[in-house]
Amino acid sequence: GIHSPWKAGSVGPESIADVVGQLERMAETLAPI
């Protein structure tokens, strides 16, 4: 799963970096599958 910050007003660099990190880790987990 990707777990996103909820009910955002503005979307800042910290939130984006958080989700980017989750996506990159997910790509690594998906590779053997």
PDB file of all heavy atoms in Angstrom:
ATOM      1  N   GLY A   1       0.791  -1.223   0.000  1.00  0.00           N
ATOM      2  CA  GLY A   1       0.000   0.000   0.000  1.00  0.00           C
ATOM      3  C   GLY A   1       0.820   1.269   0.000  1.00  0.00           C
ATOM      4  O   GLY A   1       1.949   1.305   0.506  1.00  0.00           O
ATOM      5  N   ILE A   2       0.236   2.309  -0.591  1.00  0.00           N
ATOM      6  CA  ILE A   2       0.739   3.677  -0.483  1.00  0.00           C
ATOM      7  C   ILE A   2      -0.167   4.399   0.507  1.00  0.00           C
ATOM      8  O   ILE A   2      -1.383   4.447   0.331  1.00  0.00           O
ATOM      9  CB  ILE A   2       0.704   4.408  -1.844  1.00  0.00           C
ATOM     10  CG1 ILE A   2       1.579   3.689  -2.877  1.00  0.00           C
ATOM     11  CG2 ILE A   2       1.126   5.871  -1.681  1.00  0.00           C
ATOM     12  CD1 ILE A   2       3.049   3.699  -2.563  1.00  0.00           C
ATOM     13  N   HIS A   3       0.428   4.948   1.556  1.00  0.00           N
ATOM     14  CA  HIS A   3      -0.342   5.635   2.602  1.00  0.00           C
ATOM     15  C   HIS A   3      -0.083   7.132   2.487  1.00  0.00           C
ATOM     16  O   HIS A   3       1.029   7.613   2.732  1.00  0.00           O
ATOM     17  CB  HIS A   3       0.054   5.112   3.978  1.00  0.00           C
ATOM     18  CG  HIS A   3      -0.248   3.647   4.155  1.00  0.00           C
ATOM     19  ND1 HIS A   3      -1.418   3.194   4.705  1.00  0.00           N
ATOM     20  CD2 HIS A   3       0.470   2.553   3.804  1.00  0.00           C
ATOM     21  CE1 HIS A   3      -1.421   1.864   4.713  1.00  0.00           C
ATOM     22  NE2 HIS A   3      -0.286   1.450   4.175  1.00  0.00           N
ATOM     23  N   SER A   4      -1.120   7.861   2.117  1.00  0.00           N
ATOM     24  CA  SER A   4      -0.974   9.279   1.815  1.00  0.00           C
ATOM     25  C   SER A   4      -1.407  10.154   2.983  1.00  0.00           C
ATOM     26  O   SER A   4      -2.335   9.795   3.712  1.00  0.00           O
ATOM     27  CB  SER A   4      -1.838   9.645   0.597  1.00  0.00           C
ATOM     28  OG  SER A   4      -1.537   8.808  -0.490  1.00  0.00           O
ATOM     29  N   PRO A   5      -0.762  11.307   3.163  1.00  0.00           N
ATOM     30  CA  PRO A   5      -1.292  12.299   4.102  1.00  0.00           C
ATOM     31  C   PRO A   5      -2.726  12.636   3.723  1.00  0.00           C
ATOM     32  O   PRO A   5      -3.060  12.708   2.532  1.00  0.00           O
ATOM     33  CB  PRO A   5      -0.358  13.490   3.908  1.00  0.00           C
ATOM     34  CG  PRO A   5       0.902  12.900   3.363  1.00  0.00           C
ATOM     35  CD  PRO A   5       0.481  11.744   2.517  1.00  0.00           C
ATOM     36  N   TRP A   6      -3.576  12.861   4.703  1.00  0.00           N
ATOM     37  CA  TRP A   6      -5.010  12.978   4.469  1.00  0.00           C
ATOM     38  C   TRP A   6      -5.491  14.417   4.627  1.00  0.00           C
ATOM     39  O   TRP A   6      -4.996  15.167   5.449  1.00  0.00           O
ATOM     40  CB  TRP A   6      -5.742  12.060   5.454  1.00  0.00           C
ATOM     41  CG  TRP A   6      -7.210  11.914   5.247  1.00  0.00           C
ATOM     42  CD1 TRP A   6      -8.191  12.221   6.145  1.00  0.00           C
ATOM     43  CD2 TRP A   6      -7.885  11.403   4.094  1.00  0.00           C
ATOM     44  NE1 TRP A   6      -9.425  11.934   5.625  1.00  0.00           N
ATOM     45  CE2 TRP A   6      -9.278  11.434   4.373  1.00  0.00           C
ATOM     46  CE3 TRP A   6      -7.461  10.934   2.855  1.00  0.00           C
ATOM     47  CZ2 TRP A   6     -10.228  11.019   3.444  1.00  0.00           C
ATOM     48  CZ3 TRP A   6      -8.412  10.512   1.933  1.00  0.00           C
ATOM     49  CH2 TRP A   6      -9.770  10.557   2.238  1.00  0.00           C
ATOM     50  N   LYS A   7      -6.451  14.794   3.787  1.00  0.00           N
ATOM     51  CA  LYS A   7      -7.113  16.094   3.852  1.00  0.00           C
ATOM     52  C   LYS A   7      -6.132  17.254   3.721  1.00  0.00           C
ATOM     53  O   LYS A   7      -6.110  18.181   4.535  1.00  0.00           O
ATOM     54  CB  LYS A   7      -7.918  16.225   5.156  1.00  0.00           C
ATOM     55  CG  LYS A   7      -9.107  15.282   5.238  1.00  0.00           C
ATOM     56  CD  LYS A   7     -10.179  15.633   4.227  1.00  0.00           C
ATOM     57  CE  LYS A   7     -11.400  14.753   4.377  1.00  0.00           C
ATOM     58  NZ  LYS A   7     -12.414  14.999   3.341  1.00  0.00           N
ATOM     59  N   ALA A   8      -5.331  17.197   2.682  1.00  0.00           N
ATOM     60  CA  ALA A   8      -4.305  18.218   2.478  1.00  0.00           C
ATOM     61  C   ALA A   8      -4.913  19.518   1.963  1.00  0.00           C
ATOM     62  O   ALA A   8      -5.807  19.511   1.125  1.00  0.00           O
ATOM     63  CB  ALA A   8      -3.266  17.709   1.487  1.00  0.00           C
ATOM     64  N   GLY A   9      -4.404  20.643   2.475  1.00  0.00           N
ATOM     65  CA  GLY A   9      -4.728  21.936   1.904  1.00  0.00           C
ATOM     66  C   GLY A   9      -3.773  22.162   0.741  1.00  0.00           C
ATOM     67  O   GLY A   9      -4.062  21.870  -0.405  1.00  0.00           O
ATOM     68  N   SER A  10      -2.576  22.634   1.071  1.00  0.00           N
ATOM     69  CA  SER A  10      -1.515  22.709   0.069  1.00  0.00           C
ATOM     70  C   SER A  10      -0.721  21.407   0.115  1.00  0.00           C
ATOM     71  O   SER A  10      -0.684  20.721   1.138  1.00  0.00           O
ATOM     72  CB  SER A  10      -0.603  23.904   0.343  1.00  0.00           C
ATOM     73  OG  SER A  10      -0.011  23.773   1.626  1.00  0.00           O
ATOM     74  N   VAL A  11      -0.097  21.070  -0.999  1.00  0.00           N
ATOM     75  CA  VAL A  11       0.721  19.860  -1.081  1.00  0.00           C
ATOM     76  C   VAL A  11       2.170  20.301  -1.178  1.00  0.00           C
ATOM     77  O   VAL A  11       2.594  20.871  -2.191  1.00  0.00           O
ATOM     78  CB  VAL A  11       0.319  19.000  -2.297  1.00  0.00           C
ATOM     79  CG1 VAL A  11       1.262  17.815  -2.454  1.00  0.00           C
ATOM     80  CG2 VAL A  11      -1.121  18.516  -2.141  1.00  0.00           C
ATOM     81  N   GLY A  12       2.931  20.058  -0.120  1.00  0.00           N
ATOM     82  CA  GLY A  12       4.293  20.553  -0.058  1.00  0.00           C
ATOM     83  C   GLY A  12       5.334  19.495  -0.354  1.00  0.00           C
ATOM     84  O   GLY A  12       5.024  18.313  -0.540  1.00  0.00           O
ATOM     85  N   PRO A  13       6.596  19.906  -0.386  1.00  0.00           N
ATOM     86  CA  PRO A  13       7.693  18.998  -0.742  1.00  0.00           C
ATOM     87  C   PRO A  13       7.854  17.826   0.226  1.00  0.00           C
ATOM     88  O   PRO A  13       8.262  16.738  -0.182  1.00  0.00           O
ATOM     89  CB  PRO A  13       8.926  19.899  -0.748  1.00  0.00           C
ATOM     90  CG  PRO A  13       8.533  21.128   0.028  1.00  0.00           C
ATOM     91  CD  PRO A  13       7.072  21.290  -0.176  1.00  0.00           C
ATOM     92  N   GLU A  14       7.536  18.021   1.508  1.00  0.00           N
ATOM     93  CA  GLU A  14       7.688  16.922   2.461  1.00  0.00           C
ATOM     94  C   GLU A  14       6.711  15.791   2.153  1.00  0.00           C
ATOM     95  O   GLU A  14       7.085  14.610   2.190  1.00  0.00           O
ATOM     96  CB  GLU A  14       7.480  17.434   3.895  1.00  0.00           C
ATOM     97  CG  GLU A  14       8.595  18.331   4.401  1.00  0.00           C
ATOM     98  CD  GLU A  14       8.402  18.720   5.852  1.00  0.00           C
ATOM     99  OE1 GLU A  14       7.409  18.259   6.458  1.00  0.00           O
ATOM    100  OE2 GLU A  14       9.227  19.476   6.381  1.00  0.00           O
ATOM    101  N   SER A  15       5.462  16.145   1.857  1.00  0.00           N
ATOM    102  CA  SER A  15       4.463  15.125   1.523  1.00  0.00           C
ATOM    103  C   SER A  15       4.830  14.405   0.230  1.00  0.00           C
ATOM    104  O   SER A  15       4.702  13.179   0.127  1.00  0.00           O
ATOM    105  CB  SER A  15       3.079  15.760   1.390  1.00  0.00           C
ATOM    106  OG  SER A  15       2.646  16.319   2.612  1.00  0.00           O
ATOM    107  N   ILE A  16       5.282  15.182  -0.754  1.00  0.00           N
ATOM    108  CA  ILE A  16       5.674  14.578  -2.035  1.00  0.00           C
ATOM    109  C   ILE A  16       6.838  13.619  -1.828  1.00  0.00           C
ATOM    110  O   ILE A  16       6.829  12.491  -2.331  1.00  0.00           O
ATOM    111  CB  ILE A  16       6.028  15.672  -3.058  1.00  0.00           C
ATOM    112  CG1 ILE A  16       4.781  16.490  -3.413  1.00  0.00           C
ATOM    113  CG2 ILE A  16       6.634  15.058  -4.318  1.00  0.00           C
ATOM    114  CD1 ILE A  16       5.073  17.733  -4.224  1.00  0.00           C
ATOM    115  N   ALA A  17       7.840  14.042  -1.054  1.00  0.00           N
ATOM    116  CA  ALA A  17       9.006  13.186  -0.800  1.00  0.00           C
ATOM    117  C   ALA A  17       8.597  11.904  -0.072  1.00  0.00           C
ATOM    118  O   ALA A  17       9.144  10.826  -0.341  1.00  0.00           O
ATOM    119  CB  ALA A  17      10.044  13.956   0.011  1.00  0.00           C
ATOM    120  N   ASP A  18       7.646  12.021   0.841  1.00  0.00           N
ATOM    121  CA  ASP A  18       7.147  10.848   1.576  1.00  0.00           C
ATOM    122  C   ASP A  18       6.564   9.820   0.612  1.00  0.00           C
ATOM    123  O   ASP A  18       6.911   8.632   0.648  1.00  0.00           O
ATOM    124  CB  ASP A  18       6.097  11.300   2.585  1.00  0.00           C
ATOM    125  CG  ASP A  18       5.456  10.139   3.331  1.00  0.00           C
ATOM    126  OD1 ASP A  18       6.051   9.054   3.401  1.00  0.00           O
ATOM    127  OD2 ASP A  18       4.336  10.319   3.844  1.00  0.00           O
ATOM    128  N   VAL A  19       5.683  10.264  -0.288  1.00  0.00           N
ATOM    129  CA  VAL A  19       5.039   9.337  -1.221  1.00  0.00           C
ATOM    130  C   VAL A  19       6.042   8.822  -2.248  1.00  0.00           C
ATOM    131  O   VAL A  19       5.990   7.645  -2.638  1.00  0.00           O
ATOM    132  CB  VAL A  19       3.822  10.001  -1.897  1.00  0.00           C
ATOM    133  CG1 VAL A  19       3.227   9.082  -2.963  1.00  0.00           C
ATOM    134  CG2 VAL A  19       2.762  10.345  -0.854  1.00  0.00           C
ATOM    135  N   VAL A  20       6.969   9.665  -2.684  1.00  0.00           N
ATOM    136  CA  VAL A  20       8.020   9.198  -3.610  1.00  0.00           C
ATOM    137  C   VAL A  20       8.804   8.049  -2.977  1.00  0.00           C
ATOM    138  O   VAL A  20       9.065   7.018  -3.627  1.00  0.00           O
ATOM    139  CB  VAL A  20       8.974  10.348  -3.994  1.00  0.00           C
ATOM    140  CG1 VAL A  20      10.235   9.810  -4.661  1.00  0.00           C
ATOM    141  CG2 VAL A  20       8.275  11.326  -4.936  1.00  0.00           C
ATOM    142  N   GLY A  21       9.162   8.207  -1.719  1.00  0.00           N
ATOM    143  CA  GLY A  21       9.892   7.152  -1.020  1.00  0.00           C
ATOM    144  C   GLY A  21       9.094   5.856  -0.959  1.00  0.00           C
ATOM    145  O   GLY A  21       9.641   4.757  -1.161  1.00  0.00           O
ATOM    146  N   GLN A  22       7.794   5.977  -0.707  1.00  0.00           N
ATOM    147  CA  GLN A  22       6.941   4.783  -0.672  1.00  0.00           C
ATOM    148  C   GLN A  22       6.871   4.113  -2.046  1.00  0.00           C
ATOM    149  O   GLN A  22       6.902   2.881  -2.153  1.00  0.00           O
ATOM    150  CB  GLN A  22       5.538   5.159  -0.207  1.00  0.00           C
ATOM    151  CG  GLN A  22       5.454   5.614   1.241  1.00  0.00           C
ATOM    152  CD  GLN A  22       4.012   5.868   1.654  1.00  0.00           C
ATOM    153  OE1 GLN A  22       3.167   4.973   1.610  1.00  0.00           O
ATOM    154  NE2 GLN A  22       3.714   7.093   2.063  1.00  0.00           N
ATOM    155  N   LEU A  23       6.769   4.906  -3.094  1.00  0.00           N
ATOM    156  CA  LEU A  23       6.706   4.353  -4.446  1.00  0.00           C
ATOM    157  C   LEU A  23       8.003   3.646  -4.824  1.00  0.00           C
ATOM    158  O   LEU A  23       7.988   2.561  -5.425  1.00  0.00           O
ATOM    159  CB  LEU A  23       6.408   5.466  -5.457  1.00  0.00           C
ATOM    160  CG  LEU A  23       4.984   6.024  -5.455  1.00  0.00           C
ATOM    161  CD1 LEU A  23       4.916   7.322  -6.259  1.00  0.00           C
ATOM    162  CD2 LEU A  23       4.006   5.002  -6.036  1.00  0.00           C
ATOM    163  N   GLU A  24       9.124   4.251  -4.484  1.00  0.00           N
ATOM    164  CA  GLU A  24      10.416   3.642  -4.825  1.00  0.00           C
ATOM    165  C   GLU A  24      10.617   2.333  -4.061  1.00  0.00           C
ATOM    166  O   GLU A  24      11.110   1.346  -4.627  1.00  0.00           O
ATOM    167  CB  GLU A  24      11.541   4.631  -4.540  1.00  0.00           C
ATOM    168  CG  GLU A  24      11.554   5.805  -5.516  1.00  0.00           C
ATOM    169  CD  GLU A  24      12.655   6.811  -5.229  1.00  0.00           C
ATOM    170  OE1 GLU A  24      13.077   6.899  -4.048  1.00  0.00           O
ATOM    171  OE2 GLU A  24      13.084   7.511  -6.171  1.00  0.00           O
ATOM    172  N   ARG A  25      10.220   2.310  -2.785  1.00  0.00           N
ATOM    173  CA  ARG A  25      10.337   1.064  -2.015  1.00  0.00           C
ATOM    174  C   ARG A  25       9.382   0.003  -2.558  1.00  0.00           C
ATOM    175  O   ARG A  25       9.717  -1.185  -2.601  1.00  0.00           O
ATOM    176  CB  ARG A  25      10.069   1.335  -0.539  1.00  0.00           C
ATOM    177  CG  ARG A  25      11.166   2.158   0.136  1.00  0.00           C
ATOM    178  CD  ARG A  25      10.998   2.191   1.641  1.00  0.00           C
ATOM    179  NE  ARG A  25       9.781   2.888   2.055  1.00  0.00           N
ATOM    180  CZ  ARG A  25       9.695   4.205   2.236  1.00  0.00           C
ATOM    181  NH1 ARG A  25      10.760   4.990   2.004  1.00  0.00           N
ATOM    182  NH2 ARG A  25       8.568   4.759   2.645  1.00  0.00           N
ATOM    183  N   MET A  26       8.201   0.448  -2.989  1.00  0.00           N
ATOM    184  CA  MET A  26       7.251  -0.500  -3.560  1.00  0.00           C
ATOM    185  C   MET A  26       7.805  -1.120  -4.838  1.00  0.00           C
ATOM    186  O   MET A  26       7.642  -2.329  -5.079  1.00  0.00           O
ATOM    187  CB  MET A  26       5.916   0.199  -3.850  1.00  0.00           C
ATOM    188  CG  MET A  26       4.875  -0.715  -4.476  1.00  0.00           C
ATOM    189  SD  MET A  26       3.285   0.101  -4.734  1.00  0.00           S
ATOM    190  CE  MET A  26       2.639   0.102  -3.061  1.00  0.00           C
ATOM    191  N   ALA A  27       8.470  -0.320  -5.666  1.00  0.00           N
ATOM    192  CA  ALA A  27       9.059  -0.845  -6.900  1.00  0.00           C
ATOM    193  C   ALA A  27      10.072  -1.946  -6.586  1.00  0.00           C
ATOM    194  O   ALA A  27      10.136  -2.974  -7.283  1.00  0.00           O
ATOM    195  CB  ALA A  27       9.720   0.283  -7.690  1.00  0.00           C
ATOM    196  N   GLU A  28      10.846  -1.763  -5.532  1.00  0.00           N
ATOM    197  CA  GLU A  28      11.825  -2.783  -5.139  1.00  0.00           C
ATOM    198  C   GLU A  28      11.121  -4.059  -4.670  1.00  0.00           C
ATOM    199  O   GLU A  28      11.554  -5.173  -4.994  1.00  0.00           O
ATOM    200  CB  GLU A  28      12.726  -2.233  -4.037  1.00  0.00           C
ATOM    201  CG  GLU A  28      13.615  -1.072  -4.489  1.00  0.00           C
ATOM    202  CD  GLU A  28      14.398  -0.458  -3.343  1.00  0.00           C
ATOM    203  OE1 GLU A  28      14.229  -0.938  -2.187  1.00  0.00           O
ATOM    204  OE2 GLU A  28      15.162   0.500  -3.584  1.00  0.00           O
ATOM    205  N   THR A  29      10.031  -3.905  -3.930  1.00  0.00           N
ATOM    206  CA  THR A  29       9.294  -5.070  -3.434  1.00  0.00           C
ATOM    207  C   THR A  29       8.597  -5.811  -4.567  1.00  0.00           C
ATOM    208  O   THR A  29       8.476  -7.043  -4.546  1.00  0.00           O
ATOM    209  CB  THR A  29       8.252  -4.622  -2.391  1.00  0.00           C
ATOM    210  OG1 THR A  29       8.909  -3.892  -1.348  1.00  0.00           O
ATOM    211  CG2 THR A  29       7.527  -5.812  -1.786  1.00  0.00           C
ATOM    212  N   LEU A  30       8.148  -5.060  -5.563  1.00  0.00           N
ATOM    213  CA  LEU A  30       7.426  -5.664  -6.685  1.00  0.00           C
ATOM    214  C   LEU A  30       8.347  -6.412  -7.653  1.00  0.00           C
ATOM    215  O   LEU A  30       7.894  -7.311  -8.374  1.00  0.00           O
ATOM    216  CB  LEU A  30       6.666  -4.585  -7.461  1.00  0.00           C
ATOM    217  CG  LEU A  30       5.417  -4.007  -6.807  1.00  0.00           C
ATOM    218  CD1 LEU A  30       4.967  -2.756  -7.548  1.00  0.00           C
ATOM    219  CD2 LEU A  30       4.287  -5.047  -6.772  1.00  0.00           C
ATOM    220  N   ALA A  31       9.618  -6.046  -7.677  1.00  0.00           N
ATOM    221  CA  ALA A  31      10.539  -6.596  -8.675  1.00  0.00           C
ATOM    222  C   ALA A  31      10.571  -8.129  -8.692  1.00  0.00           C
ATOM    223  O   ALA A  31      10.447  -8.734  -9.765  1.00  0.00           O
ATOM    224  CB  ALA A  31      11.936  -6.018  -8.474  1.00  0.00           C
ATOM    225  N   PRO A  32      10.730  -8.812  -7.546  1.00  0.00           N
ATOM    226  CA  PRO A  32      10.743 -10.281  -7.609  1.00  0.00           C
ATOM    227  C   PRO A  32       9.399 -10.889  -8.018  1.00  0.00           C
ATOM    228  O   PRO A  32       9.363 -11.978  -8.589  1.00  0.00           O
ATOM    229  CB  PRO A  32      11.137 -10.699  -6.184  1.00  0.00           C
ATOM    230  CG  PRO A  32      10.865  -9.511  -5.332  1.00  0.00           C
ATOM    231  CD  PRO A  32      11.049  -8.316  -6.201  1.00  0.00           C
ATOM    232  N   ILE A  33       8.313 -10.189  -7.764  1.00  0.00           N
ATOM    233  CA  ILE A  33       6.997 -10.680  -8.186  1.00  0.00           C
ATOM    234  C   ILE A  33       6.857 -10.520  -9.691  1.00  0.00           C
ATOM    235  O   ILE A  33       6.371 -11.417 -10.392  1.00  0.00           O
ATOM    236  CB  ILE A  33       5.874  -9.921  -7.449  1.00  0.00           C
ATOM    237  CG1 ILE A  33       6.049 -10.037  -5.938  1.00  0.00           C
ATOM    238  CG2 ILE A  33       4.490 -10.448  -7.879  1.00  0.00           C
ATOM    239  CD1 ILE A  33       5.104  -9.149  -5.142  1.00  0.00           C
TER     240      ILE A  33
END
